[in-house]
Structures are given as C-alpha cells and as structure tokens.
Amino acid sequence: MSVGTICSRIVATASPDETVEEGALRMKEYGVGTLVVVNASRQPHGIITDRDIMVRCVAEARDPADTPVSDIMSSPVRTLHEASPLDEGLQAMQRVKARRLVITDDDGVLAGILSIDDVVSVLAEQVDRIGAVLEAQTREVLKGV
C-alpha cells in the first residue's frame, strides 16, 4: 500500500509571506491544526502547526498580525513521494519524530499529507476485515461439528 492511497488529498496551505494571523484564521476556518507552506508552484517549503503558533509566536511575544509564516514554520519540510510504500512512511515518521509527512508527486508538488491518524484508520479497517474472515471460518467449522 502506498502513502498516496491513504493520505489526505485536501490540504490547507499557506504562503511563506502571509502572516501568522492569516494562517491561524485559515486553520480555524478549515478545522485543522496544520498548514503546509508552499510556493507559487505548490511545492512545499515548510509546515506550520497550531503548536508552532503558540511556541514560536505567542510565547515569544511576537505580533501574529506582523509575523510572516516563514519566520515560525518548520523547515525543511519532510516529504515523501506518493508512490512510496506505507512502511517507508512510518520509518520516516519514526526517524524524524513527526506525526505528519507531506506527500508530493513526481514534480515535487504538494499531493497530500499523511498523518499517523490516517495510518491507524487503515490498520483498524484491516484488523476488522481479518476479524470478519476469522469469524466466517469459525462459523463454517462449527457447522461441520
């Protein structure tokens, strides 16, 4: 299974020169805690989370209305090609101690974002399917008894 098959394809973005306040308002509007910072070609250059806003802006007494997103974003952003296997994505998350990875296409353009929650959802579905298979097999065995 590739990371591109399970990642979220709808991703809230920000430009590096917009203000932290504008980014925070977008997070509120879309109900997300993460924005991928992209250039005009939609290539990822950073990532900003609600925690980054608190720790790197508010806690440092910066004015969110005057602080550009690029000043507090995490960069370089960790990316993975959409065709990469899920195991490679999990290894990358473990290696960089991140709960999210930005997914890109062949041109390095933003294609989605993979979160640990996406992975857990897919694994839970697979466990449910395994349970259904075992239950069906058990019923068949019991019919023969």
Protein backbone atom coordinates (compact mmCIF):
# COMPACT_ATOMS: atom_id res chain seq x y z
CA MET A 1 0.00 0.00 0.00
CA SER A 2 1.41 3.40 -0.96
CA VAL A 3 1.25 6.52 1.16
CA GLY A 4 -0.59 8.21 -1.70
CA THR A 5 -3.53 5.83 -1.37
CA ILE A 6 -4.22 6.73 2.26
CA CYS A 7 -3.03 10.30 2.68
CA SER A 8 -5.44 13.21 2.90
CA ARG A 9 -5.57 14.85 -0.52
CA ILE A 10 -7.28 18.01 0.68
CA VAL A 11 -4.59 20.05 2.42
CA ALA A 12 -4.82 23.55 3.87
CA THR A 13 -1.88 25.65 2.72
CA ALA A 14 -0.20 28.96 3.41
CA SER A 15 2.25 31.11 1.51
CA PRO A 16 5.54 31.96 3.23
CA ASP A 17 4.84 35.71 3.24
CA GLU A 18 1.36 35.67 4.73
CA THR A 19 1.00 36.49 8.40
CA VAL A 20 0.66 34.02 11.23
CA GLU A 21 -2.72 35.60 11.97
CA GLU A 22 -3.93 34.81 8.43
CA GLY A 23 -2.66 31.26 8.80
CA ALA A 24 -4.38 30.82 12.18
CA LEU A 25 -7.65 32.07 10.72
CA ARG A 26 -7.34 29.52 7.89
CA MET A 27 -6.73 26.76 10.45
CA LYS A 28 -9.90 27.83 12.24
CA GLU A 29 -11.89 28.03 9.01
CA TYR A 30 -10.89 24.52 7.90
CA GLY A 31 -10.79 22.97 11.36
CA VAL A 32 -7.17 21.85 11.04
CA GLY A 33 -4.05 22.23 13.15
CA THR A 34 -1.53 22.13 10.31
CA LEU A 35 -0.80 24.19 7.21
CA VAL A 36 1.69 23.21 4.54
CA VAL A 37 3.68 26.25 3.43
CA VAL A 38 4.00 26.23 -0.36
CA ASN A 39 5.49 28.45 -3.04
CA ALA A 40 3.56 29.72 -6.07
CA SER A 41 4.12 26.36 -7.81
CA ARG A 42 2.62 24.49 -4.79
CA GLN A 43 5.97 22.96 -3.87
CA PRO A 44 6.24 22.53 -0.08
CA HIS A 45 8.80 24.63 1.75
CA GLY A 46 7.67 24.27 5.33
CA ILE A 47 4.93 23.29 7.71
CA ILE A 48 3.26 25.21 10.49
CA THR A 49 1.17 23.78 13.29
CA ASP A 50 -1.03 25.32 15.94
CA ARG A 51 1.73 24.40 18.39
CA ASP A 52 4.27 26.37 16.31
CA ILE A 53 2.00 29.40 16.58
CA MET A 54 1.87 29.06 20.37
CA VAL A 55 5.55 28.29 20.96
CA ARG A 56 7.27 30.35 18.25
CA CYS A 57 4.93 33.31 18.05
CA VAL A 58 2.69 33.84 21.07
CA ALA A 59 5.17 32.60 23.71
CA GLU A 60 7.88 34.79 22.19
CA ALA A 61 5.55 37.83 22.30
CA ARG A 62 5.59 38.25 18.51
CA ASP A 63 2.66 40.00 16.88
CA PRO A 64 0.75 37.42 14.78
CA ALA A 65 -0.53 40.24 12.56
CA ASP A 66 3.04 41.25 11.62
CA THR A 67 4.94 37.95 11.78
CA PRO A 68 5.25 36.08 8.49
CA VAL A 69 4.55 32.36 8.48
CA SER A 70 8.08 31.78 7.16
CA ASP A 71 9.51 33.07 10.46
CA ILE A 72 7.92 30.32 12.54
CA MET A 73 7.46 27.41 10.11
CA SER A 74 9.40 24.18 10.43
CA SER A 75 11.75 23.87 7.51
CA PRO A 76 12.94 21.97 5.62
CA VAL A 77 9.68 20.09 5.41
CA ARG A 78 9.81 16.29 5.46
CA THR A 79 8.35 14.98 2.21
CA LEU A 80 7.74 11.58 0.71
CA HIS A 81 6.74 10.64 -2.83
CA GLU A 82 3.14 9.48 -3.16
CA ALA A 83 4.21 6.10 -4.60
CA SER A 84 6.35 5.29 -1.54
CA PRO A 85 5.25 2.25 0.47
CA LEU A 86 3.45 2.84 3.75
CA ASP A 87 6.27 1.17 5.68
CA GLU A 88 8.70 3.75 4.31
CA GLY A 89 6.35 6.49 5.51
CA LEU A 90 6.21 5.01 9.00
CA GLN A 91 10.00 4.69 9.09
CA ALA A 92 10.33 8.33 8.03
CA MET A 93 7.91 9.44 10.76
CA GLN A 94 9.88 7.46 13.33
CA ARG A 95 13.23 8.77 12.09
CA VAL A 96 12.22 12.45 12.20
CA LYS A 97 9.88 12.07 15.20
CA ALA A 98 6.93 13.50 13.29
CA ARG A 99 3.23 12.63 13.25
CA ARG A 100 2.78 14.02 9.73
CA LEU A 101 4.58 13.84 6.42
CA VAL A 102 3.97 15.97 3.36
CA ILE A 103 3.31 13.85 0.27
CA THR A 104 4.49 15.04 -3.15
CA ASP A 105 4.04 13.98 -6.76
CA ASP A 106 6.64 13.41 -9.49
CA ASP A 107 7.16 17.17 -9.88
CA GLY A 108 7.66 17.81 -6.17
CA VAL A 109 4.23 19.42 -5.95
CA LEU A 110 2.06 19.00 -2.87
CA ALA A 111 -0.16 15.94 -3.32
CA GLY A 112 -1.38 15.37 0.24
CA ILE A 113 -0.48 14.96 3.87
CA LEU A 114 -0.08 11.68 5.70
CA SER A 115 -0.83 11.64 9.41
CA ILE A 116 -0.40 8.90 11.94
CA ASP A 117 -4.20 9.02 12.33
CA ASP A 118 -4.57 8.09 8.63
CA VAL A 119 -2.35 5.07 9.21
CA VAL A 120 -4.22 3.99 12.34
CA SER A 121 -7.56 4.21 10.48
CA VAL A 122 -6.32 1.99 7.67
CA LEU A 123 -4.86 -0.54 10.09
CA ALA A 124 -8.12 -0.62 12.08
CA GLU A 125 -10.05 -1.36 8.87
CA GLN A 126 -7.66 -4.20 8.05
CA VAL A 127 -8.00 -5.67 11.54
CA ASP A 128 -11.79 -5.56 11.14
CA ARG A 129 -11.52 -7.41 7.83
CA ILE A 130 -9.27 -10.06 9.37
CA GLY A 131 -11.79 -10.48 12.18
CA ALA A 132 -14.60 -10.95 9.64
CA VAL A 133 -12.60 -13.61 7.79
CA LEU A 134 -11.85 -15.50 11.02
CA GLU A 135 -15.46 -15.25 12.14
CA ALA A 136 -16.71 -16.65 8.82
CA GLN A 137 -14.21 -19.51 9.00
CA THR A 138 -15.22 -20.28 12.58
CA ARG A 139 -18.90 -20.44 11.58
CA GLU A 140 -18.03 -22.90 8.80
CA VAL A 141 -16.06 -25.09 11.19
CA LEU A 142 -18.87 -25.07 13.75
CA LYS A 143 -21.43 -26.05 11.08
CA GLY A 144 -19.43 -29.21 10.48
CA VAL A 145 -19.40 -30.15 14.18
